[in-house]
């Protein structure tokens, strides 16, 4: 499970954070992935740039964050973007909120916080794949399971394994 897998599965975009034009991200539901560029070596900040969530500080001690790193993996996070209860969410809003979280704004979720303790996050790459809303949760669970099977653990910044909805 890697960048090539995502491309063959229909993921598109593959834009560095610093050159991503959010208006070009589709509004529909789907999955998004954060990848490290080639030759990216992990270095961690002492203090995360992420926003505070429910009065919890997102920073982890160095040994805890190193324990989550997956050597050899280019996928750092796989997340989902549903359509929301009113049908007005989707990839563009979810990715914007994800990026805003890294700029210190409070998040709507906590799962991706480890990304924001990396240095040089502007070099990280975002990709996405639109999916019908009813397929998003199952697809996320499938990607998590495949990554886990390949690497023995979840992607670096996925704190919780997605489970298929019944």
N, C-alpha and C. Protein backbone atom coordinates (compact mmCIF):
# COMPACT_ATOMS: atom_id res chain seq x y z
N UNK A 1 0.85 -1.18 0.00
CA UNK A 1 0.00 0.00 0.00
C UNK A 1 0.89 1.24 0.00
N UNK A 2 0.82 2.00 -1.09
CA UNK A 2 1.69 3.16 -1.24
C UNK A 2 1.09 4.15 -2.24
N UNK A 3 1.88 5.14 -2.63
CA UNK A 3 1.44 6.17 -3.58
C UNK A 3 0.96 5.55 -4.88
N UNK A 4 1.67 4.54 -5.36
CA UNK A 4 1.30 3.87 -6.61
C UNK A 4 -0.08 3.21 -6.48
N UNK A 5 -0.32 2.58 -5.34
CA UNK A 5 -1.63 1.97 -5.07
C UNK A 5 -2.73 3.01 -5.13
N UNK A 6 -2.49 4.14 -4.47
CA UNK A 6 -3.51 5.21 -4.45
C UNK A 6 -3.79 5.71 -5.87
N UNK A 7 -2.73 5.95 -6.64
CA UNK A 7 -2.92 6.42 -8.01
C UNK A 7 -3.71 5.43 -8.84
N UNK A 8 -3.37 4.15 -8.71
CA UNK A 8 -4.10 3.13 -9.50
C UNK A 8 -5.55 2.99 -9.03
N UNK A 9 -5.83 3.37 -7.80
CA UNK A 9 -7.20 3.32 -7.27
C UNK A 9 -8.01 4.58 -7.60
N UNK A 10 -7.40 5.53 -8.28
CA UNK A 10 -8.14 6.73 -8.69
C UNK A 10 -7.93 7.96 -7.84
N UNK A 11 -6.97 7.93 -6.92
CA UNK A 11 -6.65 9.15 -6.17
C UNK A 11 -6.01 10.14 -7.13
N UNK A 12 -6.32 11.40 -6.94
CA UNK A 12 -5.80 12.48 -7.78
C UNK A 12 -5.28 13.60 -6.89
N UNK A 13 -4.85 14.67 -7.51
CA UNK A 13 -4.36 15.83 -6.76
C UNK A 13 -2.86 15.74 -6.60
N UNK A 14 -2.41 15.03 -5.57
CA UNK A 14 -0.99 14.87 -5.27
C UNK A 14 -0.27 16.23 -5.31
N UNK A 15 -0.80 17.15 -4.50
CA UNK A 15 -0.27 18.51 -4.42
C UNK A 15 0.39 18.74 -3.06
N UNK A 16 1.57 19.38 -3.06
CA UNK A 16 2.16 19.77 -1.77
C UNK A 16 1.23 20.74 -1.04
N UNK A 17 1.24 20.68 0.28
CA UNK A 17 0.39 21.56 1.07
C UNK A 17 0.56 23.02 0.67
N UNK A 18 1.82 23.44 0.43
CA UNK A 18 2.06 24.86 0.18
C UNK A 18 1.59 25.33 -1.19
N UNK A 19 1.25 24.42 -2.10
CA UNK A 19 0.76 24.86 -3.42
C UNK A 19 -0.66 24.37 -3.70
N UNK A 20 -1.30 23.81 -2.69
CA UNK A 20 -2.67 23.33 -2.87
C UNK A 20 -3.63 24.52 -2.99
N UNK A 21 -4.41 24.52 -4.04
CA UNK A 21 -5.47 25.51 -4.20
C UNK A 21 -6.77 24.83 -3.79
N UNK A 22 -7.27 25.20 -2.63
CA UNK A 22 -8.42 24.51 -2.04
C UNK A 22 -9.64 24.54 -2.98
N UNK A 23 -9.75 25.55 -3.80
CA UNK A 23 -10.88 25.65 -4.72
C UNK A 23 -10.86 24.52 -5.75
N UNK A 24 -9.70 23.91 -5.96
CA UNK A 24 -9.58 22.81 -6.93
C UNK A 24 -9.93 21.45 -6.33
N UNK A 25 -10.11 21.41 -5.03
CA UNK A 25 -10.51 20.16 -4.38
C UNK A 25 -12.02 20.00 -4.56
N UNK A 26 -12.47 18.84 -4.99
CA UNK A 26 -13.91 18.65 -5.20
C UNK A 26 -14.71 18.77 -3.91
N UNK A 27 -15.97 19.08 -4.06
CA UNK A 27 -16.84 19.28 -2.90
C UNK A 27 -17.52 18.00 -2.43
N UNK A 28 -17.49 16.95 -3.24
CA UNK A 28 -18.18 15.72 -2.88
C UNK A 28 -17.48 14.93 -1.80
N UNK A 29 -18.15 13.90 -1.30
CA UNK A 29 -17.55 13.03 -0.28
C UNK A 29 -16.44 12.17 -0.88
N UNK A 30 -15.60 11.64 -0.01
CA UNK A 30 -14.53 10.77 -0.48
C UNK A 30 -13.47 10.56 0.58
N UNK A 31 -12.32 10.11 0.12
CA UNK A 31 -11.17 9.89 0.99
C UNK A 31 -10.06 10.86 0.61
N UNK A 32 -9.21 11.16 1.57
CA UNK A 32 -8.01 11.93 1.26
C UNK A 32 -6.83 11.29 1.98
N UNK A 33 -5.66 11.48 1.40
CA UNK A 33 -4.45 10.90 1.95
C UNK A 33 -3.37 11.97 2.03
N UNK A 34 -2.56 11.86 3.07
CA UNK A 34 -1.38 12.70 3.23
C UNK A 34 -0.18 11.79 3.02
N UNK A 35 0.71 12.23 2.13
CA UNK A 35 1.90 11.45 1.80
C UNK A 35 3.15 12.26 2.03
N UNK A 36 4.23 11.58 2.29
CA UNK A 36 5.50 12.27 2.40
C UNK A 36 6.14 12.30 1.02
N UNK A 37 6.83 13.39 0.69
CA UNK A 37 7.53 13.42 -0.59
C UNK A 37 8.73 12.47 -0.57
N UNK A 38 9.25 12.16 -1.73
CA UNK A 38 10.45 11.33 -1.82
C UNK A 38 11.57 12.00 -1.03
N UNK A 39 12.37 11.18 -0.38
CA UNK A 39 13.53 11.65 0.39
C UNK A 39 13.17 12.43 1.64
N UNK A 40 11.89 12.46 2.03
CA UNK A 40 11.45 13.17 3.24
C UNK A 40 11.90 12.38 4.46
N UNK A 41 12.64 13.01 5.31
CA UNK A 41 13.06 12.39 6.56
C UNK A 41 12.29 13.03 7.71
N UNK A 42 11.76 12.23 8.63
CA UNK A 42 10.96 12.82 9.71
C UNK A 42 11.82 13.55 10.74
N UNK A 43 11.39 14.75 11.04
CA UNK A 43 11.91 15.54 12.14
C UNK A 43 10.70 16.13 12.82
N UNK A 44 10.74 16.15 14.13
CA UNK A 44 9.56 16.56 14.88
C UNK A 44 9.78 17.84 15.67
N UNK A 45 8.74 18.64 15.71
CA UNK A 45 8.73 19.86 16.51
C UNK A 45 8.56 19.50 17.98
N UNK A 46 9.09 20.32 18.86
CA UNK A 46 8.86 20.11 20.29
C UNK A 46 7.41 20.41 20.65
N UNK A 47 6.82 21.33 19.89
CA UNK A 47 5.43 21.71 20.14
C UNK A 47 4.68 21.69 18.81
N UNK A 48 3.58 20.99 18.78
CA UNK A 48 2.74 20.89 17.59
C UNK A 48 2.16 22.24 17.20
N UNK A 49 1.96 22.44 15.92
CA UNK A 49 1.30 23.65 15.44
C UNK A 49 -0.23 23.51 15.45
N UNK A 50 -0.71 22.31 15.74
CA UNK A 50 -2.15 22.03 15.69
C UNK A 50 -2.91 22.77 16.78
N UNK A 51 -4.18 22.98 16.49
CA UNK A 51 -5.06 23.63 17.45
C UNK A 51 -5.41 22.73 18.62
N UNK A 52 -5.86 23.34 19.68
CA UNK A 52 -6.28 22.63 20.89
C UNK A 52 -7.67 22.04 20.65
N UNK A 53 -7.87 20.81 21.12
CA UNK A 53 -9.13 20.11 20.94
C UNK A 53 -9.68 19.74 22.31
N UNK A 54 -10.86 20.27 22.64
CA UNK A 54 -11.51 19.99 23.92
C UNK A 54 -10.53 20.15 25.09
N UNK A 55 -9.78 21.24 25.06
CA UNK A 55 -8.80 21.61 26.08
C UNK A 55 -7.60 20.66 26.15
N UNK A 56 -7.44 19.79 25.12
CA UNK A 56 -6.30 18.88 25.07
C UNK A 56 -5.25 19.45 24.12
N UNK A 57 -4.01 19.46 24.56
CA UNK A 57 -2.89 19.93 23.76
C UNK A 57 -2.45 18.78 22.85
N UNK A 58 -2.24 19.03 21.55
CA UNK A 58 -1.94 17.95 20.61
C UNK A 58 -0.50 17.45 20.61
N UNK A 59 0.39 18.10 21.34
CA UNK A 59 1.81 17.73 21.33
C UNK A 59 2.05 16.43 22.09
N UNK A 60 2.87 15.57 21.49
CA UNK A 60 3.30 14.33 22.14
C UNK A 60 4.80 14.42 22.44
N UNK A 61 5.26 13.70 23.46
CA UNK A 61 6.70 13.64 23.70
C UNK A 61 7.39 12.89 22.55
N UNK A 62 8.67 13.16 22.36
CA UNK A 62 9.42 12.60 21.23
C UNK A 62 9.33 11.08 21.14
N UNK A 63 9.48 10.38 22.27
CA UNK A 63 9.45 8.92 22.20
C UNK A 63 8.08 8.39 21.76
N UNK A 64 7.02 9.05 22.16
CA UNK A 64 5.67 8.62 21.77
C UNK A 64 5.42 8.86 20.29
N UNK A 65 5.90 9.98 19.78
CA UNK A 65 5.67 10.27 18.36
C UNK A 65 6.54 9.38 17.48
N UNK A 66 7.76 9.10 17.90
CA UNK A 66 8.61 8.17 17.14
C UNK A 66 8.00 6.78 17.11
N UNK A 67 7.32 6.39 18.16
CA UNK A 67 6.69 5.06 18.21
C UNK A 67 5.59 4.91 17.16
N UNK A 68 5.03 6.02 16.72
CA UNK A 68 3.97 5.98 15.71
C UNK A 68 4.51 6.00 14.27
N UNK A 69 5.75 6.43 14.08
CA UNK A 69 6.32 6.55 12.74
C UNK A 69 6.40 5.17 12.09
N UNK A 70 6.07 5.10 10.79
CA UNK A 70 6.10 3.83 10.04
C UNK A 70 7.24 3.94 9.02
N UNK A 71 8.36 3.30 9.33
CA UNK A 71 9.51 3.34 8.43
C UNK A 71 9.14 2.77 7.06
N UNK A 72 9.57 3.46 6.02
CA UNK A 72 9.36 2.98 4.66
C UNK A 72 8.02 3.30 4.05
N UNK A 73 7.10 3.81 4.82
CA UNK A 73 5.76 4.11 4.30
C UNK A 73 5.71 5.53 3.77
N UNK A 74 5.12 5.71 2.59
CA UNK A 74 4.96 7.08 2.10
C UNK A 74 3.60 7.65 2.44
N UNK A 75 2.65 6.82 2.85
CA UNK A 75 1.34 7.29 3.29
C UNK A 75 1.42 7.59 4.79
N UNK A 76 1.07 8.82 5.15
CA UNK A 76 1.13 9.23 6.55
C UNK A 76 -0.23 9.29 7.22
N UNK A 77 -1.27 9.44 6.43
CA UNK A 77 -2.63 9.56 6.98
C UNK A 77 -3.65 9.28 5.88
N UNK A 78 -4.70 8.57 6.25
CA UNK A 78 -5.84 8.36 5.35
C UNK A 78 -7.09 8.75 6.12
N UNK A 79 -7.80 9.74 5.59
CA UNK A 79 -9.01 10.23 6.25
C UNK A 79 -10.19 10.23 5.31
N UNK A 80 -11.35 10.48 5.89
CA UNK A 80 -12.56 10.50 5.08
C UNK A 80 -13.25 11.85 5.17
N UNK A 81 -14.07 12.09 4.18
CA UNK A 81 -14.88 13.30 4.15
C UNK A 81 -16.27 12.88 3.72
N UNK A 82 -17.16 12.79 4.67
CA UNK A 82 -18.55 12.46 4.36
C UNK A 82 -19.29 13.69 3.86
N UNK A 83 -20.53 13.48 3.51
CA UNK A 83 -21.32 14.61 3.01
C UNK A 83 -21.97 15.41 4.14
N UNK A 84 -21.91 14.90 5.35
CA UNK A 84 -22.48 15.61 6.49
C UNK A 84 -23.98 15.42 6.58
N UNK A 85 -24.55 15.72 7.71
CA UNK A 85 -25.98 15.51 7.94
C UNK A 85 -26.85 16.38 7.04
N UNK A 86 -26.32 17.52 6.62
CA UNK A 86 -27.09 18.41 5.76
C UNK A 86 -26.63 18.33 4.30
N UNK A 87 -25.69 17.44 4.01
CA UNK A 87 -25.21 17.28 2.66
C UNK A 87 -24.32 18.39 2.16
N UNK A 88 -23.77 19.18 3.08
CA UNK A 88 -22.98 20.35 2.66
C UNK A 88 -21.51 20.26 3.05
N UNK A 89 -21.00 19.06 3.32
CA UNK A 89 -19.59 18.92 3.69
C UNK A 89 -18.83 18.37 2.49
N UNK A 90 -17.99 17.41 2.67
CA UNK A 90 -17.24 16.83 1.58
C UNK A 90 -15.76 17.11 1.67
N UNK A 91 -15.03 16.73 0.62
CA UNK A 91 -13.58 16.81 0.61
C UNK A 91 -13.04 18.23 0.79
N UNK A 92 -13.58 19.18 0.08
CA UNK A 92 -13.04 20.54 0.16
C UNK A 92 -13.11 21.08 1.59
N UNK A 93 -14.25 20.95 2.23
CA UNK A 93 -14.41 21.46 3.59
C UNK A 93 -13.54 20.67 4.57
N UNK A 94 -13.53 19.34 4.44
CA UNK A 94 -12.74 18.50 5.35
C UNK A 94 -11.25 18.81 5.23
N UNK A 95 -10.75 18.93 4.00
CA UNK A 95 -9.33 19.22 3.80
C UNK A 95 -9.00 20.63 4.28
N UNK A 96 -9.87 21.59 4.05
CA UNK A 96 -9.64 22.95 4.56
C UNK A 96 -9.56 22.93 6.08
N UNK A 97 -10.47 22.22 6.73
CA UNK A 97 -10.45 22.13 8.20
C UNK A 97 -9.18 21.41 8.69
N UNK A 98 -8.76 20.39 7.96
CA UNK A 98 -7.52 19.68 8.29
C UNK A 98 -6.33 20.64 8.24
N UNK A 99 -6.23 21.42 7.18
CA UNK A 99 -5.13 22.38 7.04
C UNK A 99 -5.22 23.49 8.09
N UNK A 100 -6.43 23.96 8.36
CA UNK A 100 -6.63 24.98 9.39
C UNK A 100 -6.22 24.46 10.77
N UNK A 101 -6.45 23.18 11.03
CA UNK A 101 -6.05 22.55 12.29
C UNK A 101 -4.54 22.71 12.46
N UNK A 102 -3.78 22.50 11.39
CA UNK A 102 -2.33 22.65 11.44
C UNK A 102 -1.88 24.08 11.63
N UNK A 103 -2.77 25.02 11.35
CA UNK A 103 -2.46 26.45 11.54
C UNK A 103 -2.91 26.94 12.92
N UNK A 104 -3.29 26.00 13.77
CA UNK A 104 -3.62 26.35 15.15
C UNK A 104 -5.09 26.53 15.46
N UNK A 105 -5.95 26.37 14.46
CA UNK A 105 -7.39 26.50 14.72
C UNK A 105 -7.91 25.23 15.38
N UNK A 106 -8.95 25.34 16.21
CA UNK A 106 -9.50 24.14 16.84
C UNK A 106 -10.12 23.22 15.79
N UNK A 107 -9.89 21.92 15.92
CA UNK A 107 -10.40 20.97 14.94
C UNK A 107 -11.78 20.44 15.29
N UNK A 108 -12.38 19.77 14.34
CA UNK A 108 -13.62 19.05 14.60
C UNK A 108 -13.35 17.60 14.96
N UNK A 109 -12.09 17.19 14.86
CA UNK A 109 -11.68 15.83 15.21
C UNK A 109 -10.23 15.86 15.66
N UNK A 110 -9.73 14.77 16.15
CA UNK A 110 -8.42 14.71 16.79
C UNK A 110 -7.47 13.77 16.06
N UNK A 111 -7.98 12.99 15.14
CA UNK A 111 -7.23 11.87 14.57
C UNK A 111 -5.94 12.25 13.86
N UNK A 112 -5.88 13.34 13.16
CA UNK A 112 -4.72 13.66 12.32
C UNK A 112 -3.64 14.49 13.01
N UNK A 113 -3.73 14.66 14.30
CA UNK A 113 -2.88 15.62 15.00
C UNK A 113 -1.38 15.37 14.87
N UNK A 114 -0.94 14.14 14.66
CA UNK A 114 0.50 13.87 14.60
C UNK A 114 1.17 14.51 13.38
N UNK A 115 0.41 14.73 12.32
CA UNK A 115 0.96 15.41 11.13
C UNK A 115 1.56 16.75 11.54
N UNK A 116 0.90 17.43 12.44
CA UNK A 116 1.26 18.81 12.77
C UNK A 116 2.39 18.93 13.78
N UNK A 117 3.02 17.80 14.09
CA UNK A 117 4.23 17.86 14.90
C UNK A 117 5.46 17.59 14.03
N UNK A 118 5.24 17.32 12.76
CA UNK A 118 6.34 17.18 11.81
C UNK A 118 6.86 18.55 11.40
N UNK A 119 8.14 18.64 11.10
CA UNK A 119 8.68 19.86 10.49
C UNK A 119 8.41 19.78 8.99
N UNK A 120 8.46 20.88 8.33
CA UNK A 120 8.32 20.96 6.87
C UNK A 120 7.00 20.38 6.35
N UNK A 121 5.93 20.64 7.06
CA UNK A 121 4.64 20.13 6.60
C UNK A 121 4.21 20.74 5.27
N UNK A 122 4.76 21.90 4.91
CA UNK A 122 4.42 22.51 3.62
C UNK A 122 4.83 21.62 2.46
N UNK A 123 5.76 20.69 2.68
CA UNK A 123 6.22 19.78 1.63
C UNK A 123 5.36 18.52 1.52
N UNK A 124 4.56 18.24 2.54
CA UNK A 124 3.72 17.03 2.50
C UNK A 124 2.72 17.15 1.35
N UNK A 125 2.23 16.01 0.90
CA UNK A 125 1.40 15.94 -0.30
C UNK A 125 0.00 15.47 0.06
N UNK A 126 -0.98 16.15 -0.53
CA UNK A 126 -2.39 15.77 -0.35
C UNK A 126 -2.93 15.19 -1.64
N UNK A 127 -3.66 14.10 -1.52
CA UNK A 127 -4.38 13.53 -2.65
C UNK A 127 -5.78 13.15 -2.18
N UNK A 128 -6.68 12.93 -3.12
CA UNK A 128 -8.06 12.63 -2.76
C UNK A 128 -8.71 11.78 -3.83
N UNK A 129 -9.81 11.20 -3.43
CA UNK A 129 -10.62 10.38 -4.33
C UNK A 129 -12.07 10.57 -3.95
N UNK A 130 -12.86 11.03 -4.90
CA UNK A 130 -14.30 11.17 -4.65
C UNK A 130 -14.94 9.79 -4.67
N UNK A 131 -15.92 9.61 -3.80
CA UNK A 131 -16.67 8.36 -3.71
C UNK A 131 -18.12 8.68 -3.38
N UNK A 132 -19.04 7.79 -3.74
CA UNK A 132 -20.41 7.97 -3.27
C UNK A 132 -20.43 7.95 -1.74
N UNK A 133 -21.27 8.76 -1.15
CA UNK A 133 -21.32 8.90 0.32
C UNK A 133 -21.47 7.56 1.02
N UNK A 134 -22.25 6.67 0.45
CA UNK A 134 -22.51 5.37 1.10
C UNK A 134 -21.29 4.44 1.05
N UNK A 135 -20.25 4.79 0.30
CA UNK A 135 -19.06 3.94 0.20
C UNK A 135 -17.88 4.46 1.01
N UNK A 136 -17.96 5.67 1.52
CA UNK A 136 -16.81 6.33 2.15
C UNK A 136 -16.31 5.57 3.38
N UNK A 137 -17.17 5.24 4.31
CA UNK A 137 -16.73 4.58 5.54
C UNK A 137 -16.12 3.22 5.27
N UNK A 138 -16.73 2.45 4.39
CA UNK A 138 -16.20 1.13 4.05
C UNK A 138 -14.84 1.26 3.36
N UNK A 139 -14.71 2.22 2.47
CA UNK A 139 -13.45 2.43 1.76
C UNK A 139 -12.34 2.82 2.74
N UNK A 140 -12.63 3.73 3.65
CA UNK A 140 -11.63 4.12 4.65
C UNK A 140 -11.20 2.91 5.47
N UNK A 141 -12.14 2.10 5.91
CA UNK A 141 -11.83 0.90 6.69
C UNK A 141 -10.97 -0.07 5.87
N UNK A 142 -11.27 -0.20 4.59
CA UNK A 142 -10.49 -1.10 3.73
C UNK A 142 -9.05 -0.62 3.57
N UNK A 143 -8.87 0.67 3.37
CA UNK A 143 -7.51 1.21 3.24
C UNK A 143 -6.73 1.07 4.54
N UNK A 144 -7.37 1.32 5.65
CA UNK A 144 -6.69 1.14 6.94
C UNK A 144 -6.27 -0.32 7.12
N UNK A 145 -7.18 -1.24 6.81
CA UNK A 145 -6.88 -2.66 6.97
C UNK A 145 -5.74 -3.09 6.04
N UNK A 146 -5.74 -2.60 4.81
CA UNK A 146 -4.68 -2.95 3.86
C UNK A 146 -3.33 -2.40 4.32
N UNK A 147 -3.32 -1.17 4.80
CA UNK A 147 -2.07 -0.57 5.30
C UNK A 147 -1.57 -1.37 6.50
N UNK A 148 -2.46 -1.70 7.40
CA UNK A 148 -2.11 -2.48 8.58
C UNK A 148 -1.53 -3.84 8.19
N UNK A 149 -2.13 -4.48 7.19
CA UNK A 149 -1.63 -5.77 6.72
C UNK A 149 -0.22 -5.64 6.12
N UNK A 150 0.03 -4.55 5.41
CA UNK A 150 1.33 -4.34 4.77
C UNK A 150 2.42 -3.90 5.75
N UNK A 151 2.07 -3.07 6.73
CA UNK A 151 3.07 -2.42 7.57
C UNK A 151 3.01 -2.82 9.05
N UNK A 152 2.00 -3.55 9.44
CA UNK A 152 1.90 -3.99 10.83
C UNK A 152 1.36 -2.94 11.79
N UNK A 153 1.02 -1.78 11.26
CA UNK A 153 0.42 -0.71 12.06
C UNK A 153 -0.29 0.25 11.12
N UNK A 154 -1.07 1.14 11.69
CA UNK A 154 -1.79 2.13 10.90
C UNK A 154 -0.83 3.19 10.38
N UNK A 155 -1.28 3.98 9.37
CA UNK A 155 -0.45 5.11 8.96
C UNK A 155 -0.11 5.99 10.16
N UNK A 156 1.03 6.64 10.09
CA UNK A 156 1.59 7.45 11.17
C UNK A 156 0.57 8.29 11.94
N UNK A 157 -0.26 9.05 11.25
CA UNK A 157 -1.16 9.99 11.92
C UNK A 157 -2.57 9.46 12.12
N UNK A 158 -2.83 8.21 11.76
CA UNK A 158 -4.13 7.62 12.05
C UNK A 158 -4.09 7.02 13.44
N UNK A 159 -4.79 7.65 14.35
CA UNK A 159 -4.78 7.23 15.75
C UNK A 159 -5.73 6.05 15.98
N UNK A 160 -6.81 6.01 15.22
CA UNK A 160 -7.86 5.00 15.39
C UNK A 160 -8.12 4.31 14.06
N UNK A 161 -8.20 3.00 14.08
CA UNK A 161 -8.52 2.25 12.86
C UNK A 161 -9.99 2.39 12.54
N UNK A 162 -10.27 2.75 11.30
CA UNK A 162 -11.67 2.86 10.85
C UNK A 162 -12.26 1.45 10.77
N UNK A 163 -13.49 1.35 11.17
CA UNK A 163 -14.21 0.08 11.12
C UNK A 163 -15.32 0.20 10.09
N UNK A 164 -15.59 -0.87 9.36
CA UNK A 164 -16.69 -0.80 8.38
C UNK A 164 -18.03 -0.60 9.07
N UNK A 165 -18.87 0.18 8.45
CA UNK A 165 -20.23 0.39 8.98
C UNK A 165 -21.11 -0.75 8.50
N UNK A 166 -21.93 -1.23 9.37
CA UNK A 166 -22.86 -2.31 8.97
C UNK A 166 -24.19 -1.75 8.56
